[in-house]
Amino acid sequence: MGLFRSLFGSKPAVPTLWTYAPGGVVWRMVPSEDGVLVGEDRYKEDKRVLFFCLDLRTGKELWSRKSLEEPWWLGIEATHQGLVFVHEFARPDMPEHTGIIALDLRTGDIRWMKKEMQFRGVRDGVILGRERGALEDRFHLVKVENGEVLREVTAEDVSDFPGETAGEVSGRIRYPSCVSKDDAGWDSFESVADTRRMVGECEAVEVDERRIFCYHAGYERHPEQSILEHRMVIVDARGRKVYEDILHDRAHLPVYDAFFVLDGRLCYVRKERELVCLDVAVGDGGT
């Protein structure tokens, strides 16, 4: 078997399942319980954002280049029960979200909208929406399926409502968290990464005894400039580097939460424009 592999190659320890480049800057990506991934495809020069949706398992495009009435000042809130919820902004110079626009995950078509409400969370087929008032805000429970307002709720009810921005997959999705030299796996990280030039925090998540690290390093070729490389490295249970990539080669500030893991699939954006999905679950041929 060893000779066969040496002659004909072997399966990569961390195989790439698929890549996807929609054409613009991939700004945000959100997975759903339905096994799809919806994202924002932004064009800064035109001040235009288009939405796309992929099969998370295969990377197959289900729909793309979906635009809405507001061309730029909008973004994705969450997914839930076959829908993706999009918000607008109160004003271009205010980051506060406003409006709820529900799109069908399988087609990208608008199912319903509540322009007067602000998305505050979702669970069990119900959205918590806030409606601004002159004297006080009002909160409502809204049916996910069709936008029907079920009832108004009190401030006490609101405090018990979880704001699950990841929708249904919030219990299964793995986002990285900050780690330091006191955490498990740091020694293996230091052995494969140049931590002397590290800027800001290092983030990591563990999957099947593999650790995925993301960190920023000062640019060796431009030490006089505040330009950073955003790097990813995956280390196996024996401390060996089994994968590495550069997420961004000219970052001016550290960017965190740049990847997630769902059901053994690691998804991240390479150099702003390409979505990459890896199989990080340990199986045959793994460690």
C-alpha atoms as a PDB file:
ATOM      1  CA  MET A   1       0.000   0.000   0.000  1.00  0.00           C
ATOM      2  CA  GLY A   2       2.871   2.373   0.794  1.00  0.00           C
ATOM      3  CA  LEU A   3       4.438   1.827  -2.655  1.00  0.00           C
ATOM      4  CA  PHE A   4       1.048   2.256  -4.346  1.00  0.00           C
ATOM      5  CA  ARG A   5       0.531   5.578  -2.614  1.00  0.00           C
ATOM      6  CA  SER A   6       4.034   6.771  -3.421  1.00  0.00           C
ATOM      7  CA  LEU A   7       3.503   6.003  -7.115  1.00  0.00           C
ATOM      8  CA  PHE A   8      -0.040   7.211  -7.568  1.00  0.00           C
ATOM      9  CA  GLY A   9      -0.440   9.717  -4.758  1.00  0.00           C
ATOM     10  CA  SER A  10      -2.699   9.553  -1.724  1.00  0.00           C
ATOM     11  CA  LYS A  11      -5.848  11.232  -0.546  1.00  0.00           C
ATOM     12  CA  PRO A  12      -5.058  14.609   1.042  1.00  0.00           C
ATOM     13  CA  ALA A  13      -5.364  14.631   4.816  1.00  0.00           C
ATOM     14  CA  VAL A  14      -7.736  17.597   4.492  1.00  0.00           C
ATOM     15  CA  PRO A  15      -9.422  17.365   1.084  1.00  0.00           C
ATOM     16  CA  THR A  16     -11.082  20.348  -0.575  1.00  0.00           C
ATOM     17  CA  LEU A  17     -14.729  19.490  -1.239  1.00  0.00           C
ATOM     18  CA  TRP A  18     -15.529  22.527  -3.406  1.00  0.00           C
ATOM     19  CA  THR A  19     -14.784  26.181  -4.082  1.00  0.00           C
ATOM     20  CA  TYR A  20     -17.105  28.937  -5.287  1.00  0.00           C
ATOM     21  CA  ALA A  21     -16.369  32.452  -6.573  1.00  0.00           C
ATOM     22  CA  PRO A  22     -19.552  34.483  -7.218  1.00  0.00           C
ATOM     23  CA  GLY A  23     -17.714  37.413  -8.802  1.00  0.00           C
ATOM     24  CA  GLY A  24     -17.642  40.075  -6.090  1.00  0.00           C
ATOM     25  CA  VAL A  25     -16.573  40.228  -2.457  1.00  0.00           C
ATOM     26  CA  VAL A  26     -18.042  37.448  -0.305  1.00  0.00           C
ATOM     27  CA  TRP A  27     -19.100  39.479   2.705  1.00  0.00           C
ATOM     28  CA  ARG A  28     -21.191  37.119   4.802  1.00  0.00           C
ATOM     29  CA  MET A  29     -22.223  33.463   4.654  1.00  0.00           C
ATOM     30  CA  VAL A  30     -24.857  31.714   6.786  1.00  0.00           C
ATOM     31  CA  PRO A  31     -25.674  27.970   6.774  1.00  0.00           C
ATOM     32  CA  SER A  32     -29.112  26.460   7.298  1.00  0.00           C
ATOM     33  CA  GLU A  33     -30.596  23.283   8.716  1.00  0.00           C
ATOM     34  CA  ASP A  34     -31.682  22.454   5.160  1.00  0.00           C
ATOM     35  CA  GLY A  35     -28.047  21.873   4.193  1.00  0.00           C
ATOM     36  CA  VAL A  36     -27.635  25.034   2.151  1.00  0.00           C
ATOM     37  CA  LEU A  37     -25.394  28.061   2.492  1.00  0.00           C
ATOM     38  CA  VAL A  38     -26.638  31.557   1.669  1.00  0.00           C
ATOM     39  CA  GLY A  39     -24.249  34.463   1.218  1.00  0.00           C
ATOM     40  CA  GLU A  40     -23.720  38.085   0.204  1.00  0.00           C
ATOM     41  CA  ASP A  41     -21.869  38.920  -3.015  1.00  0.00           C
ATOM     42  CA  ARG A  42     -20.852  42.593  -2.723  1.00  0.00           C
ATOM     43  CA  TYR A  43     -19.640  45.008  -5.415  1.00  0.00           C
ATOM     44  CA  LYS A  44     -18.146  48.016  -3.657  1.00  0.00           C
ATOM     45  CA  GLU A  45     -17.690  50.199  -6.732  1.00  0.00           C
ATOM     46  CA  ASP A  46     -21.332  49.872  -7.789  1.00  0.00           C
ATOM     47  CA  LYS A  47     -22.701  49.915  -4.215  1.00  0.00           C
ATOM     48  CA  ARG A  48     -24.606  46.753  -4.997  1.00  0.00           C
ATOM     49  CA  VAL A  49     -25.118  43.488  -3.127  1.00  0.00           C
ATOM     50  CA  LEU A  50     -26.398  40.272  -4.691  1.00  0.00           C
ATOM     51  CA  PHE A  51     -27.346  37.117  -2.802  1.00  0.00           C
ATOM     52  CA  PHE A  52     -26.498  33.505  -3.629  1.00  0.00           C
ATOM     53  CA  CYS A  53     -27.358  30.070  -2.276  1.00  0.00           C
ATOM     54  CA  LEU A  54     -25.338  26.830  -2.495  1.00  0.00           C
ATOM     55  CA  ASP A  55     -25.786  23.193  -1.575  1.00  0.00           C
ATOM     56  CA  LEU A  56     -23.379  22.942   1.360  1.00  0.00           C
ATOM     57  CA  ARG A  57     -22.540  19.310   0.600  1.00  0.00           C
ATOM     58  CA  THR A  58     -21.665  19.679  -3.092  1.00  0.00           C
ATOM     59  CA  GLY A  59     -21.130  23.414  -3.607  1.00  0.00           C
ATOM     60  CA  LYS A  60     -23.758  23.353  -6.378  1.00  0.00           C
ATOM     61  CA  GLU A  61     -25.324  26.741  -7.002  1.00  0.00           C
ATOM     62  CA  LEU A  62     -29.049  26.700  -6.266  1.00  0.00           C
ATOM     63  CA  TRP A  63     -29.559  30.353  -7.221  1.00  0.00           C
ATOM     64  CA  SER A  64     -27.468  33.507  -7.447  1.00  0.00           C
ATOM     65  CA  ARG A  65     -27.358  37.215  -8.331  1.00  0.00           C
ATOM     66  CA  LYS A  66     -30.574  37.895  -6.418  1.00  0.00           C
ATOM     67  CA  SER A  67     -31.092  41.621  -5.835  1.00  0.00           C
ATOM     68  CA  LEU A  68     -33.684  43.486  -3.793  1.00  0.00           C
ATOM     69  CA  GLU A  69     -35.251  46.939  -3.962  1.00  0.00           C
ATOM     70  CA  GLU A  70     -32.522  48.442  -1.750  1.00  0.00           C
ATOM     71  CA  PRO A  71     -29.302  47.825  -3.745  1.00  0.00           C
ATOM     72  CA  TRP A  72     -26.598  48.123  -1.061  1.00  0.00           C
ATOM     73  CA  TRP A  73     -27.637  48.862   2.519  1.00  0.00           C
ATOM     74  CA  LEU A  74     -28.876  45.426   3.491  1.00  0.00           C
ATOM     75  CA  GLY A  75     -27.556  42.107   4.796  1.00  0.00           C
ATOM     76  CA  ILE A  76     -28.379  38.631   6.095  1.00  0.00           C
ATOM     77  CA  GLU A  77     -29.724  38.110   9.619  1.00  0.00           C
ATOM     78  CA  ALA A  78     -30.344  34.349   9.932  1.00  0.00           C
ATOM     79  CA  THR A  79     -31.884  31.241   8.385  1.00  0.00           C
ATOM     80  CA  HIS A  80     -34.804  29.261   9.778  1.00  0.00           C
ATOM     81  CA  GLN A  81     -37.231  26.635   8.446  1.00  0.00           C
ATOM     82  CA  GLY A  82     -36.470  27.102   4.764  1.00  0.00           C
ATOM     83  CA  LEU A  83     -36.224  30.888   4.818  1.00  0.00           C
ATOM     84  CA  VAL A  84     -33.416  33.428   5.006  1.00  0.00           C
ATOM     85  CA  PHE A  85     -34.099  36.777   6.680  1.00  0.00           C
ATOM     86  CA  VAL A  86     -32.562  39.957   5.274  1.00  0.00           C
ATOM     87  CA  HIS A  87     -32.418  43.369   6.941  1.00  0.00           C
ATOM     88  CA  GLU A  88     -31.958  46.904   5.693  1.00  0.00           C
ATOM     89  CA  PHE A  89     -30.361  49.755   7.682  1.00  0.00           C
ATOM     90  CA  ALA A  90     -32.108  52.644   9.424  1.00  0.00           C
ATOM     91  CA  ARG A  91     -29.858  55.069   7.542  1.00  0.00           C
ATOM     92  CA  PRO A  92     -26.618  54.629   5.585  1.00  0.00           C
ATOM     93  CA  ASP A  93     -24.678  56.319   8.380  1.00  0.00           C
ATOM     94  CA  MET A  94     -26.359  54.214  11.101  1.00  0.00           C
ATOM     95  CA  PRO A  95     -25.499  50.515  11.571  1.00  0.00           C
ATOM     96  CA  GLU A  96     -28.879  49.770  13.197  1.00  0.00           C
ATOM     97  CA  HIS A  97     -30.816  47.071  11.363  1.00  0.00           C
ATOM     98  CA  THR A  98     -34.390  47.634  10.251  1.00  0.00           C
ATOM     99  CA  GLY A  99     -37.001  45.639   8.363  1.00  0.00           C
ATOM    100  CA  ILE A 100     -37.477  41.882   7.919  1.00  0.00           C
ATOM    101  CA  ILE A 101     -37.464  40.480   4.383  1.00  0.00           C
ATOM    102  CA  ALA A 102     -38.050  36.724   4.181  1.00  0.00           C
ATOM    103  CA  LEU A 103     -36.622  34.922   1.126  1.00  0.00           C
ATOM    104  CA  ASP A 104     -37.272  31.315   0.144  1.00  0.00           C
ATOM    105  CA  LEU A 105     -33.982  29.444   0.566  1.00  0.00           C
ATOM    106  CA  ARG A 106     -34.614  27.182  -2.423  1.00  0.00           C
ATOM    107  CA  THR A 107     -35.597  29.875  -4.930  1.00  0.00           C
ATOM    108  CA  GLY A 108     -34.478  33.261  -3.575  1.00  0.00           C
ATOM    109  CA  ASP A 109     -37.997  34.620  -4.048  1.00  0.00           C
ATOM    110  CA  ILE A 110     -39.526  36.995  -1.499  1.00  0.00           C
ATOM    111  CA  ARG A 111     -42.096  35.196   0.656  1.00  0.00           C
ATOM    112  CA  TRP A 112     -43.082  38.122   2.871  1.00  0.00           C
ATOM    113  CA  MET A 113     -41.724  41.305   4.437  1.00  0.00           C
ATOM    114  CA  LYS A 114     -42.252  43.523   7.474  1.00  0.00           C
ATOM    115  CA  LYS A 115     -40.525  46.824   6.753  1.00  0.00           C
ATOM    116  CA  GLU A 116     -41.705  48.341  10.045  1.00  0.00           C
ATOM    117  CA  MET A 117     -40.092  45.683  12.263  1.00  0.00           C
ATOM    118  CA  GLN A 118     -36.582  44.881  13.394  1.00  0.00           C
ATOM    119  CA  PHE A 119     -35.403  41.257  13.608  1.00  0.00           C
ATOM    120  CA  ARG A 120     -34.487  40.358  17.206  1.00  0.00           C
ATOM    121  CA  GLY A 121     -34.241  36.560  17.121  1.00  0.00           C
ATOM    122  CA  VAL A 122     -35.899  33.353  15.927  1.00  0.00           C
ATOM    123  CA  ARG A 123     -36.803  29.971  17.398  1.00  0.00           C
ATOM    124  CA  ASP A 124     -39.349  27.190  16.897  1.00  0.00           C
ATOM    125  CA  GLY A 125     -40.985  28.819  13.879  1.00  0.00           C
ATOM    126  CA  VAL A 126     -41.427  32.208  15.530  1.00  0.00           C
ATOM    127  CA  ILE A 127     -39.564  35.508  15.048  1.00  0.00           C
ATOM    128  CA  LEU A 128     -39.280  38.158  17.717  1.00  0.00           C
ATOM    129  CA  GLY A 129     -39.757  41.523  16.025  1.00  0.00           C
ATOM    130  CA  ARG A 130     -39.367  45.024  17.456  1.00  0.00           C
ATOM    131  CA  GLU A 131     -41.441  47.943  16.230  1.00  0.00           C
ATOM    132  CA  ARG A 132     -40.107  51.412  17.024  1.00  0.00           C
ATOM    133  CA  GLY A 133     -42.539  53.822  18.671  1.00  0.00           C
ATOM    134  CA  ALA A 134     -42.488  57.523  19.462  1.00  0.00           C
ATOM    135  CA  LEU A 135     -42.684  56.877  23.200  1.00  0.00           C
ATOM    136  CA  GLU A 136     -41.785  53.212  23.560  1.00  0.00           C
ATOM    137  CA  ASP A 137     -40.962  50.175  21.451  1.00  0.00           C
ATOM    138  CA  ARG A 138     -43.420  47.334  20.905  1.00  0.00           C
ATOM    139  CA  PHE A 139     -42.446  43.692  20.526  1.00  0.00           C
ATOM    140  CA  HIS A 140     -44.317  41.071  18.511  1.00  0.00           C
ATOM    141  CA  LEU A 141     -44.130  37.375  17.823  1.00  0.00           C
ATOM    142  CA  VAL A 142     -44.272  36.767  14.074  1.00  0.00           C
ATOM    143  CA  LYS A 143     -44.967  33.474  12.322  1.00  0.00           C
ATOM    144  CA  VAL A 144     -41.934  32.427  10.247  1.00  0.00           C
ATOM    145  CA  GLU A 145     -44.008  30.738   7.547  1.00  0.00           C
ATOM    146  CA  ASN A 146     -45.996  33.761   6.366  1.00  0.00           C
ATOM    147  CA  GLY A 147     -45.128  36.819   8.482  1.00  0.00           C
ATOM    148  CA  GLU A 148     -48.415  36.746  10.370  1.00  0.00           C
ATOM    149  CA  VAL A 149     -48.243  38.695  13.644  1.00  0.00           C
ATOM    150  CA  LEU A 150     -49.290  36.253  16.358  1.00  0.00           C
ATOM    151  CA  ARG A 151     -49.357  38.563  19.358  1.00  0.00           C
ATOM    152  CA  GLU A 152     -47.668  41.431  21.132  1.00  0.00           C
ATOM    153  CA  VAL A 153     -45.341  40.525  23.990  1.00  0.00           C
ATOM    154  CA  THR A 154     -44.050  42.361  27.021  1.00  0.00           C
ATOM    155  CA  ALA A 155     -40.513  43.393  27.903  1.00  0.00           C
ATOM    156  CA  GLU A 156     -40.370  40.464  30.335  1.00  0.00           C
ATOM    157  CA  ASP A 157     -41.201  38.027  27.547  1.00  0.00           C
ATOM    158  CA  VAL A 158     -38.484  39.567  25.374  1.00  0.00           C
ATOM    159  CA  SER A 159     -35.793  38.931  27.989  1.00  0.00           C
ATOM    160  CA  ASP A 160     -36.518  35.197  27.798  1.00  0.00           C
ATOM    161  CA  PHE A 161     -36.310  35.047  23.992  1.00  0.00           C
ATOM    162  CA  PRO A 162     -32.911  33.858  22.709  1.00  0.00           C
ATOM    163  CA  GLY A 163     -31.437  35.894  19.869  1.00  0.00           C
ATOM    164  CA  GLU A 164     -30.217  33.005  17.694  1.00  0.00           C
ATOM    165  CA  THR A 165     -28.570  34.744  14.760  1.00  0.00           C
ATOM    166  CA  ALA A 166     -27.478  31.394  13.283  1.00  0.00           C
ATOM    167  CA  GLY A 167     -31.044  30.085  13.232  1.00  0.00           C
ATOM    168  CA  GLU A 168     -31.555  26.342  13.451  1.00  0.00           C
ATOM    169  CA  VAL A 169     -27.919  25.276  13.190  1.00  0.00           C
ATOM    170  CA  SER A 170     -26.788  27.339  16.183  1.00  0.00           C
ATOM    171  CA  GLY A 171     -26.369  24.171  18.268  1.00  0.00           C
ATOM    172  CA  ARG A 172     -24.309  22.338  15.616  1.00  0.00           C
ATOM    173  CA  ILE A 173     -22.236  25.075  14.084  1.00  0.00           C
ATOM    174  CA  ARG A 174     -18.742  25.664  15.463  1.00  0.00           C
ATOM    175  CA  TYR A 175     -17.224  29.126  15.390  1.00  0.00           C
ATOM    176  CA  PRO A 176     -13.622  29.741  16.539  1.00  0.00           C
ATOM    177  CA  SER A 177     -12.779  31.219  19.914  1.00  0.00           C
ATOM    178  CA  CYS A 178      -9.669  33.038  21.098  1.00  0.00           C
ATOM    179  CA  VAL A 179      -6.852  30.876  22.457  1.00  0.00           C
ATOM    180  CA  SER A 180      -3.549  31.615  24.174  1.00  0.00           C
ATOM    181  CA  LYS A 181      -0.348  29.852  25.216  1.00  0.00           C
ATOM    182  CA  ASP A 182      -2.143  28.403  28.247  1.00  0.00           C
ATOM    183  CA  ASP A 183      -4.648  26.496  26.116  1.00  0.00           C
ATOM    184  CA  ALA A 184      -4.355  22.922  24.863  1.00  0.00           C
ATOM    185  CA  GLY A 185      -2.708  22.631  21.480  1.00  0.00           C
ATOM    186  CA  TRP A 186      -0.741  25.885  21.667  1.00  0.00           C
ATOM    187  CA  ASP A 187       2.603  24.079  21.541  1.00  0.00           C
ATOM    188  CA  SER A 188       1.684  22.366  18.287  1.00  0.00           C
ATOM    189  CA  PHE A 189       0.501  25.704  16.886  1.00  0.00           C
ATOM    190  CA  GLU A 190       3.789  27.384  17.790  1.00  0.00           C
ATOM    191  CA  SER A 191       5.727  24.569  16.148  1.00  0.00           C
ATOM    192  CA  VAL A 192       4.131  25.210  12.732  1.00  0.00           C
ATOM    193  CA  ALA A 193       3.416  28.983  12.830  1.00  0.00           C
ATOM    194  CA  ASP A 194       5.631  32.051  13.091  1.00  0.00           C
ATOM    195  CA  THR A 195       4.116  33.478  16.254  1.00  0.00           C
ATOM    196  CA  ARG A 196       6.852  36.125  16.611  1.00  0.00           C
ATOM    197  CA  ARG A 197       5.090  38.303  14.052  1.00  0.00           C
ATOM    198  CA  MET A 198       1.558  37.526  15.239  1.00  0.00           C
ATOM    199  CA  VAL A 199      -0.735  40.552  15.646  1.00  0.00           C
ATOM    200  CA  GLY A 200      -3.885  40.415  17.759  1.00  0.00           C
ATOM    201  CA  GLU A 201      -5.582  37.251  18.966  1.00  0.00           C
ATOM    202  CA  CYS A 202      -5.255  33.704  17.687  1.00  0.00           C
ATOM    203  CA  GLU A 203      -8.539  31.864  17.112  1.00  0.00           C
ATOM    204  CA  ALA A 204      -9.054  28.110  17.053  1.00  0.00           C
ATOM    205  CA  VAL A 205     -11.606  25.320  17.039  1.00  0.00           C
ATOM    206  CA  GLU A 206     -11.066  21.580  17.547  1.00  0.00           C
ATOM    207  CA  VAL A 207     -12.706  18.983  15.289  1.00  0.00           C
ATOM    208  CA  ASP A 208     -11.986  15.253  15.683  1.00  0.00           C
ATOM    209  CA  GLU A 209      -8.636  15.926  17.412  1.00  0.00           C
ATOM    210  CA  ARG A 210      -7.613  18.341  14.671  1.00  0.00           C
ATOM    211  CA  ARG A 211      -7.161  21.963  15.605  1.00  0.00           C
ATOM    212  CA  ILE A 212      -7.874  24.753  13.148  1.00  0.00           C
ATOM    213  CA  PHE A 213      -5.985  27.961  13.912  1.00  0.00           C
ATOM    214  CA  CYS A 214      -6.441  31.420  12.380  1.00  0.00           C
ATOM    215  CA  TYR A 215      -4.098  34.303  13.128  1.00  0.00           C
ATOM    216  CA  HIS A 216      -2.687  37.521  11.682  1.00  0.00           C
ATOM    217  CA  ALA A 217       1.011  38.107  11.031  1.00  0.00           C
ATOM    218  CA  GLY A 218       2.908  41.263  10.186  1.00  0.00           C
ATOM    219  CA  TYR A 219       3.905  41.366   6.547  1.00  0.00           C
ATOM    220  CA  GLU A 220       7.534  40.300   6.289  1.00  0.00           C
ATOM    221  CA  ARG A 221       8.066  42.047   2.938  1.00  0.00           C
ATOM    222  CA  HIS A 222       6.535  45.320   4.152  1.00  0.00           C
ATOM    223  CA  PRO A 223       7.582  45.643   7.825  1.00  0.00           C
ATOM    224  CA  GLU A 224       7.212  49.423   7.716  1.00  0.00           C
ATOM    225  CA  GLN A 225       3.525  49.223   6.719  1.00  0.00           C
ATOM    226  CA  SER A 226       0.558  48.138   8.776  1.00  0.00           C
ATOM    227  CA  ILE A 227      -0.333  45.312   6.379  1.00  0.00           C
ATOM    228  CA  LEU A 228      -1.238  41.898   7.757  1.00  0.00           C
ATOM    229  CA  GLU A 229      -1.515  38.372   6.411  1.00  0.00           C
ATOM    230  CA  HIS A 230      -4.532  36.452   7.698  1.00  0.00           C
ATOM    231  CA  ARG A 231      -3.428  32.832   7.914  1.00  0.00           C
ATOM    232  CA  MET A 232      -5.027  29.475   8.607  1.00  0.00           C
ATOM    233  CA  VAL A 233      -3.233  26.324   9.677  1.00  0.00           C
ATOM    234  CA  ILE A 234      -4.656  22.917  10.629  1.00  0.00           C
ATOM    235  CA  VAL A 235      -2.718  20.643  12.972  1.00  0.00           C
ATOM    236  CA  ASP A 236      -3.472  16.957  13.557  1.00  0.00           C
ATOM    237  CA  ALA A 237      -3.415  14.984  16.800  1.00  0.00           C
ATOM    238  CA  ARG A 238       0.339  14.333  16.407  1.00  0.00           C
ATOM    239  CA  GLY A 239       1.147  18.027  16.028  1.00  0.00           C
ATOM    240  CA  ARG A 240       1.725  17.812  12.276  1.00  0.00           C
ATOM    241  CA  LYS A 241       0.622  20.561   9.907  1.00  0.00           C
ATOM    242  CA  VAL A 242      -1.891  18.990   7.511  1.00  0.00           C
ATOM    243  CA  TYR A 243      -3.241  22.133   5.816  1.00  0.00           C
ATOM    244  CA  GLU A 244      -2.508  25.829   5.500  1.00  0.00           C
ATOM    245  CA  ASP A 245      -3.832  28.769   3.518  1.00  0.00           C
ATOM    246  CA  ILE A 246      -3.807  32.571   3.425  1.00  0.00           C
ATOM    247  CA  LEU A 247      -7.270  34.021   3.909  1.00  0.00           C
ATOM    248  CA  HIS A 248      -6.181  37.575   3.145  1.00  0.00           C
ATOM    249  CA  ASP A 249      -2.759  38.820   2.067  1.00  0.00           C
ATOM    250  CA  ARG A 250      -3.252  42.572   2.537  1.00  0.00           C
ATOM    251  CA  ALA A 251      -5.435  43.084   5.604  1.00  0.00           C
ATOM    252  CA  HIS A 252      -5.166  46.417   7.400  1.00  0.00           C
ATOM    253  CA  LEU A 253      -6.917  45.286  10.589  1.00  0.00           C
ATOM    254  CA  PRO A 254      -7.415  41.886  12.251  1.00  0.00           C
ATOM    255  CA  VAL A 255     -10.669  40.175  11.245  1.00  0.00           C
ATOM    256  CA  TYR A 256     -12.175  37.521  13.492  1.00  0.00           C
ATOM    257  CA  ASP A 257     -14.864  34.812  13.125  1.00  0.00           C
ATOM    258  CA  ALA A 258     -13.642  34.230   9.581  1.00  0.00           C
ATOM    259  CA  PHE A 259     -14.676  30.568   9.351  1.00  0.00           C
ATOM    260  CA  PHE A 260     -17.093  28.011  10.736  1.00  0.00           C
ATOM    261  CA  VAL A 261     -17.347  24.212  10.940  1.00  0.00           C
ATOM    262  CA  LEU A 262     -20.631  22.381  10.415  1.00  0.00           C
ATOM    263  CA  ASP A 263     -20.952  18.582  10.303  1.00  0.00           C
ATOM    264  CA  GLY A 264     -17.253  18.110   9.582  1.00  0.00           C
ATOM    265  CA  ARG A 265     -17.143  20.761   6.852  1.00  0.00           C
ATOM    266  CA  LEU A 266     -14.941  23.812   7.274  1.00  0.00           C
ATOM    267  CA  CYS A 267     -16.029  26.894   5.299  1.00  0.00           C
ATOM    268  CA  TYR A 268     -14.019  30.077   4.879  1.00  0.00           C
ATOM    269  CA  VAL A 269     -13.412  32.871   2.382  1.00  0.00           C
ATOM    270  CA  ARG A 270     -10.085  33.017   0.558  1.00  0.00           C
ATOM    271  CA  LYS A 271      -8.882  36.537  -0.307  1.00  0.00           C
ATOM    272  CA  GLU A 272     -12.394  37.992  -0.110  1.00  0.00           C
ATOM    273  CA  ARG A 273     -13.664  36.425  -3.344  1.00  0.00           C
ATOM    274  CA  GLU A 274     -13.612  32.642  -3.116  1.00  0.00           C
ATOM    275  CA  LEU A 275     -15.571  30.380  -0.800  1.00  0.00           C
ATOM    276  CA  VAL A 276     -13.669  27.232   0.200  1.00  0.00           C
ATOM    277  CA  CYS A 277     -15.163  24.129   1.809  1.00  0.00           C
ATOM    278  CA  LEU A 278     -12.881  21.454   3.334  1.00  0.00           C
ATOM    279  CA  ASP A 279     -13.561  18.055   4.830  1.00  0.00           C
ATOM    280  CA  VAL A 280     -11.945  18.274   8.277  1.00  0.00           C
ATOM    281  CA  ALA A 281     -13.575  15.180   9.768  1.00  0.00           C
ATOM    282  CA  VAL A 282     -11.074  12.408  10.400  1.00  0.00           C
ATOM    283  CA  GLY A 283     -11.909   9.331   8.305  1.00  0.00           C
ATOM    284  CA  ASP A 284     -10.087   6.753   6.226  1.00  0.00           C
ATOM    285  CA  GLY A 285      -6.711   8.158   5.401  1.00  0.00           C
ATOM    286  CA  GLY A 286      -6.944  10.731   8.162  1.00  0.00           C
ATOM    287  CA  THR A 287      -4.904  10.929  11.335  1.00  0.00           C
END
